[in-house]
Protein backbone atom coordinates (compact mmCIF):
# COMPACT_ATOMS: atom_id res chain seq x y z
CA MET A 1 13.35 0.16 11.69
CA LYS A 2 11.27 -2.39 9.64
CA LEU A 3 8.43 -0.72 7.50
CA LEU A 4 5.96 -3.60 5.82
CA PHE A 5 4.00 -2.29 2.92
CA ILE A 6 1.51 -4.50 2.15
CA GLY A 7 0.11 -3.81 -2.26
CA ASP A 8 -3.50 -3.69 -3.01
CA ILE A 9 -5.84 -5.64 -0.90
CA VAL A 10 -8.53 -6.79 -3.40
CA GLY A 11 -11.55 -8.21 -2.23
CA LYS A 12 -12.62 -10.98 0.38
CA PRO A 13 -9.42 -13.05 -0.83
CA GLY A 14 -7.10 -10.40 0.14
CA ARG A 15 -8.69 -9.36 3.42
CA GLU A 16 -8.47 -12.67 4.39
CA LEU A 17 -4.35 -13.05 3.53
CA VAL A 18 -4.11 -9.84 5.65
CA ARG A 19 -5.78 -11.40 8.58
CA ARG A 20 -3.92 -14.69 8.21
CA GLY A 21 -0.41 -13.24 7.15
CA VAL A 22 0.18 -9.72 8.98
CA GLY A 23 0.88 -11.61 12.45
CA PRO A 24 3.46 -14.25 11.63
CA ILE A 25 4.94 -11.91 9.20
CA VAL A 26 5.48 -9.18 11.71
CA ALA A 27 6.63 -11.47 14.09
CA ALA A 28 9.36 -13.27 11.34
CA HIS A 29 10.77 -10.15 10.14
CA ASP A 30 10.74 -8.12 13.13
CA ILE A 31 8.37 -5.63 11.56
CA ASP A 32 7.79 -2.15 13.63
CA PHE A 33 5.19 -0.52 11.36
CA VAL A 34 2.44 -1.86 8.48
CA ILE A 35 0.85 -0.02 5.87
CA ALA A 36 -1.72 -1.27 3.20
CA ASN A 37 -3.26 -0.18 0.04
CA GLY A 38 -6.88 -0.82 1.16
CA GLU A 39 -8.82 0.69 -1.68
CA ASN A 40 -10.16 -2.11 -3.58
CA SER A 41 -10.66 -4.35 -0.27
CA ALA A 42 -14.53 -4.27 -0.97
CA ALA A 43 -15.08 -6.89 -3.35
CA GLY A 44 -12.28 -4.93 -5.57
CA PHE A 45 -13.96 -1.52 -5.82
CA GLY A 46 -13.36 0.69 -2.57
CA ILE A 47 -13.49 0.32 0.97
CA THR A 48 -16.13 0.14 4.10
CA ARG A 49 -15.98 1.17 7.31
CA GLU A 50 -16.31 -2.45 8.37
CA ILE A 51 -13.72 -3.44 6.08
CA GLY A 52 -11.43 -0.80 6.92
CA ASP A 53 -11.82 -1.23 10.84
CA GLN A 54 -11.16 -4.67 10.17
CA LEU A 55 -7.76 -4.40 8.40
CA LEU A 56 -7.01 -2.16 11.24
CA ALA A 57 -7.75 -4.60 13.75
CA TYR A 58 -5.84 -6.99 11.36
CA GLY A 59 -2.22 -5.06 12.56
CA CYS A 60 -2.27 -2.36 9.59
CA ASP A 61 -1.32 0.72 11.23
CA VAL A 62 -2.24 3.15 7.95
CA LEU A 63 -4.52 2.21 5.02
CA THR A 64 -3.31 4.11 1.92
CA SER A 65 -5.79 4.52 -1.18
CA GLY A 66 -5.99 5.91 -4.93
CA ASN A 67 -8.37 6.29 -7.66
CA HIS A 68 -10.62 3.76 -6.12
CA ILE A 69 -10.97 5.60 -2.93
CA TRP A 70 -14.81 6.92 -3.39
CA ASP A 71 -16.40 3.82 -5.23
CA LYS A 72 -18.17 2.92 -1.69
CA LYS A 73 -20.17 6.15 -0.80
CA GLU A 74 -19.71 5.59 2.75
CA ALA A 75 -16.05 6.00 2.45
CA LEU A 76 -16.97 9.80 2.25
CA GLU A 77 -17.94 10.03 5.95
CA TYR A 78 -15.53 7.05 7.10
CA ILE A 79 -12.74 8.96 5.77
CA ALA A 80 -13.40 12.22 7.72
CA ARG A 81 -13.21 10.33 10.77
CA GLU A 82 -10.83 8.03 10.46
CA PRO A 83 -7.34 9.61 10.46
CA ARG A 84 -5.35 6.08 9.61
CA LEU A 85 -7.44 5.96 6.03
CA LEU A 86 -6.10 8.13 3.45
CA ARG A 87 -6.49 9.23 -0.11
CA PRO A 88 -4.37 10.85 -2.45
CA ALA A 89 -2.84 14.21 -1.15
CA ASN A 90 -3.41 15.87 -4.54
CA TYR A 91 -7.16 15.62 -4.62
CA PRO A 92 -8.22 19.34 -4.61
CA ALA A 93 -9.14 21.49 -1.30
CA GLY A 94 -12.54 20.28 -0.04
CA ALA A 95 -11.89 16.79 -0.41
CA PRO A 96 -12.72 14.71 2.57
CA GLY A 97 -10.03 13.18 4.40
CA ALA A 98 -6.24 13.64 4.65
CA GLY A 99 -3.04 12.61 2.34
CA THR A 100 -0.79 12.22 5.14
CA TYR A 101 -0.70 10.94 8.42
CA LEU A 102 2.15 11.21 11.10
CA ALA A 103 2.08 8.21 13.56
CA THR A 104 4.56 6.50 15.99
CA ALA A 105 6.00 2.85 15.40
CA LYS A 106 5.58 0.17 18.20
CA ASN A 107 9.43 0.77 18.13
CA GLY A 108 8.74 4.75 19.04
CA VAL A 109 10.06 6.15 16.01
CA LYS A 110 7.81 8.73 14.33
CA VAL A 111 6.88 7.51 10.89
CA GLY A 112 5.51 9.72 8.09
CA ILE A 113 2.99 8.50 5.39
CA VAL A 114 2.01 10.52 2.16
CA ASN A 115 -0.15 9.46 -0.59
CA VAL A 116 -0.37 10.62 -3.73
CA MET A 117 -1.69 9.92 -7.16
CA GLY A 118 -0.55 10.42 -10.64
CA ARG A 119 -2.27 11.95 -13.48
CA VAL A 120 -1.43 10.01 -16.63
CA PHE A 121 -4.58 7.91 -17.71
CA LEU A 122 -6.20 8.85 -14.43
CA ALA A 123 -8.14 11.60 -12.89
CA SER A 124 -6.82 15.19 -13.62
CA ILE A 125 -6.09 16.13 -9.92
CA ASP A 126 -3.41 18.66 -8.58
CA ASP A 127 0.27 17.96 -9.47
CA PRO A 128 1.80 15.01 -7.29
CA PHE A 129 5.05 15.77 -7.37
CA THR A 130 5.11 18.98 -5.92
CA THR A 131 2.55 17.64 -3.25
CA ALA A 132 4.36 14.93 -2.42
CA LEU A 133 7.50 17.04 -1.67
CA ARG A 134 5.53 19.53 0.22
CA GLU A 135 3.92 16.71 2.23
CA VAL A 136 7.22 15.03 2.91
CA THR A 137 8.93 18.26 4.32
CA ALA A 138 5.78 19.21 6.31
CA LEU A 139 6.20 15.65 8.19
CA ARG A 140 9.89 15.97 8.83
CA THR A 141 9.28 19.05 10.01
CA ALA A 142 6.82 17.86 12.33
CA GLY A 143 9.05 15.39 13.81
CA ALA A 144 8.74 12.52 11.43
CA GLN A 145 12.14 10.40 11.52
CA VAL A 146 11.14 8.06 8.68
CA VAL A 147 8.76 8.88 5.44
CA PHE A 148 7.40 6.49 3.34
CA VAL A 149 5.18 7.71 0.01
CA ASP A 150 2.68 5.34 -1.73
CA ILE A 151 2.54 6.82 -5.51
CA HIS A 152 -0.54 5.24 -7.09
CA ALA A 153 -0.16 5.80 -10.46
CA GLU A 154 -0.79 4.20 -13.89
CA VAL A 155 2.29 4.33 -16.03
CA THR A 156 5.77 3.29 -15.16
CA SER A 157 7.69 6.27 -16.08
CA GLU A 158 5.29 8.41 -13.39
CA LYS A 159 6.41 6.39 -10.68
CA VAL A 160 10.13 6.39 -11.47
CA ALA A 161 9.99 9.89 -12.08
CA MET A 162 8.88 10.56 -8.35
CA GLY A 163 11.28 7.85 -7.18
CA TRP A 164 14.54 10.24 -8.56
CA TYR A 165 12.33 13.31 -7.80
CA LEU A 166 11.88 12.29 -3.60
CA ASP A 167 15.34 10.61 -3.60
CA GLY A 168 17.10 11.66 -0.18
CA HIS A 169 14.07 13.15 0.80
CA ALA A 170 11.53 10.53 1.27
CA THR A 171 12.59 7.24 3.01
CA ALA A 172 10.90 5.08 0.52
CA VAL A 173 8.59 5.48 -2.62
CA VAL A 174 6.39 2.92 -3.52
CA GLY A 175 4.08 2.49 -6.29
CA THR A 176 0.55 1.02 -6.36
CA HIS A 177 -2.27 0.76 -8.78
CA THR A 178 -1.54 -1.70 -11.52
CA HIS A 179 -1.85 -5.03 -9.42
CA VAL A 180 1.57 -6.57 -10.98
CA GLN A 181 4.54 -6.57 -8.74
CA THR A 182 8.03 -5.37 -10.54
CA ALA A 183 11.33 -6.58 -9.83
CA ASP A 184 12.90 -3.46 -9.77
CA ASN A 185 13.43 -2.78 -6.01
CA ARG A 186 16.33 -0.58 -5.32
CA VAL A 187 17.96 2.00 -2.82
CA LEU A 188 18.53 4.96 -4.75
CA PRO A 189 22.12 7.09 -4.38
CA ARG A 190 20.89 9.23 -2.46
CA GLY A 191 19.22 6.40 0.28
CA THR A 192 15.43 6.64 -0.71
CA ALA A 193 14.38 2.75 -1.28
CA TYR A 194 12.26 2.46 -4.25
CA LEU A 195 9.49 0.19 -5.88
CA THR A 196 7.50 0.81 -9.31
CA ASP A 197 4.97 -1.34 -8.35
CA ALA A 198 4.09 -3.61 -4.87
CA GLY A 199 1.76 -5.79 -6.83
CA MET A 200 -1.60 -7.38 -5.37
CA THR A 201 -2.98 -8.97 -2.36
CA GLY A 202 -5.30 -11.27 -3.30
CA PRO A 203 -6.50 -13.77 -6.25
CA HIS A 204 -3.79 -14.19 -9.20
CA ASP A 205 -5.47 -16.57 -11.21
CA GLY A 206 -7.88 -13.96 -12.88
CA VAL A 207 -6.64 -10.59 -14.49
CA ILE A 208 -5.42 -8.11 -11.81
CA GLY A 209 -7.77 -9.69 -9.37
CA VAL A 210 -11.04 -9.83 -11.66
CA GLU A 211 -12.36 -13.05 -13.20
CA LYS A 212 -10.64 -13.76 -16.09
CA ASP A 213 -13.61 -14.76 -18.37
CA ALA A 214 -15.23 -11.49 -18.13
CA VAL A 215 -12.17 -9.28 -18.65
CA ILE A 216 -11.40 -11.56 -21.71
CA GLY A 217 -14.73 -11.06 -23.12
CA LYS A 218 -14.54 -7.26 -23.24
CA PHE A 219 -11.25 -7.41 -24.48
CA LEU A 220 -12.56 -9.62 -27.41
CA ASN A 221 -16.14 -7.59 -28.39
CA ALA A 222 -15.66 -4.06 -26.09
CA LEU A 223 -18.87 -4.63 -24.74
CA PRO A 224 -19.84 -3.66 -21.07
CA ALA A 225 -19.18 -6.69 -18.56
CA ARG A 226 -20.03 -7.28 -15.08
CA PHE A 227 -16.70 -7.75 -13.16
CA GLU A 228 -16.14 -10.19 -9.54
CA THR A 229 -13.55 -10.35 -7.92
CA ALA A 230 -11.49 -13.41 -8.74
CA SER A 231 -11.03 -16.12 -5.72
CA GLY A 232 -7.83 -18.73 -6.71
CA ASP A 233 -4.40 -18.52 -6.04
CA PRO A 234 -4.44 -15.80 -3.31
CA ARG A 235 -1.10 -14.38 -2.61
CA LEU A 236 0.10 -11.69 -0.59
CA ASN A 237 2.45 -9.00 -2.25
CA GLY A 238 4.29 -6.05 -0.69
CA VAL A 239 7.49 -5.13 0.06
CA ILE A 240 9.93 -4.68 3.83
CA VAL A 241 12.16 -1.52 4.06
CA THR A 242 14.70 -1.22 6.16
CA ALA A 243 15.42 2.47 7.16
CA ASP A 244 17.92 4.21 9.82
CA PRO A 245 15.77 6.34 11.64
CA ALA A 246 19.08 8.51 12.69
CA THR A 247 19.36 9.39 9.23
CA GLY A 248 15.55 9.11 7.84
CA LEU A 249 16.91 6.82 5.05
CA ALA A 250 16.70 3.45 3.50
CA THR A 251 19.41 0.84 3.88
CA ALA A 252 17.62 -2.06 2.11
CA ILE A 253 14.19 -2.93 0.44
CA ASP A 254 12.93 -6.46 -0.11
CA ARG A 255 9.94 -7.56 -1.85
CA LEU A 256 7.38 -10.15 -0.54
CA SER A 257 5.47 -12.64 -2.45
CA LEU A 258 3.38 -15.15 -0.03
CA SER A 259 1.04 -17.71 -1.07
CA ALA A 260 -1.62 -18.88 1.15
CA ALA A 261 0.31 -22.06 2.13
CA ASP A 262 3.52 -19.77 2.47
CA ILE A 263 1.60 -17.91 4.98
CA ASP A 264 0.62 -20.94 7.17
CA ARG A 265 4.24 -22.50 7.08
CA LEU A 266 5.32 -18.81 8.29
CA ALA A 267 2.68 -19.24 10.85
CA ALA A 268 3.25 -22.41 12.33
CA ASP A 269 7.17 -21.53 12.32
CA MET A 270 6.55 -18.70 14.40
CA ALA A 271 4.23 -20.90 16.81
CA ALA A 272 7.17 -23.09 17.21
CA THR A 273 9.74 -20.35 17.80
CA PRO A 274 9.93 -19.04 22.09
CA GLY A 275 9.56 -15.57 21.84
CA ALA A 276 8.87 -14.78 18.80
CA ARG A 277 7.04 -11.24 18.32
CA ALA A 278 3.84 -11.13 17.91
C-alpha cells in the first residue's frame, strides 16, 4: 500500500505541477491513494470551489488544509458540501466541514485521513494532540486500515511531539505549513512514518512561494506590503509512504522534490513504458 502526500500547493504554479505530475508519479511509484494540502492553492491564500474541484479531478483523493482554509469566503459553503476537503479537526464545534475522512483506495484498502492544526504562533483553537488521537482511534474503529495525519503547524517541536504522541497509532504523521521540506523522514519505533514538513508544491524562487522583493522589503522597513505568488523554479514537494494494511503501520517514507523538468521526464518515461499504471 502506497500513499502519496503532496506538500502545500501554492497558487497557479503549484496547481499546474499537480495537473502534470500526479498521473506520472502514481504510475511510476504504483501509488494507491493521493492526499494534498490545498489551503494555499488560490493565489497563495485559501481555496475556492473551482480550484478544489480541479485538484480532485487532477487525481487528488483528499485535500487537507490549515490556517488559510477560510481566506476565501466561498470555502465556507464549499467545505460544507465537499467532504473530501478537510479543515483542522481541532476547530471548535460549529465550524463548517470536517477534519477527518474515511475513503477507499484504488486497491480496496480503507484509508483514514486526519487534519489537525498546531497552536504555537497560530490560532488558539482546541488541543490538536487529544483531538488527533481521538480521531485516529475513531477512524480505526470505523474500519480504516491505514490512517494518515497532516499536522499543520508552525514550530518543529510541536510537529515532532505529535509524531511521537501518535507513534504506533497512526500510519503516518506528516507536517505542513512552513513550506520548506525537512530531511528527517523516518519510521518511528512503533511503526509510524514521520516527516516534520513535506515542503511546498509551487514556485521556489521566492520566499515560501511569495515574490521575494515584497517580503524582503517588509523585513527591511516593517511596512505593509502586497504579497503576490512567485512564478519561477516550480517544484513538487511531497512524500511517499509505504504501509502494511494488515498491521496499519508504515514500512518506509521517502521524500519527493521534483522540478517541472523532472515531471516531464517522468511523464515521458511512463508514456514509453507498456502497461504503466495511470
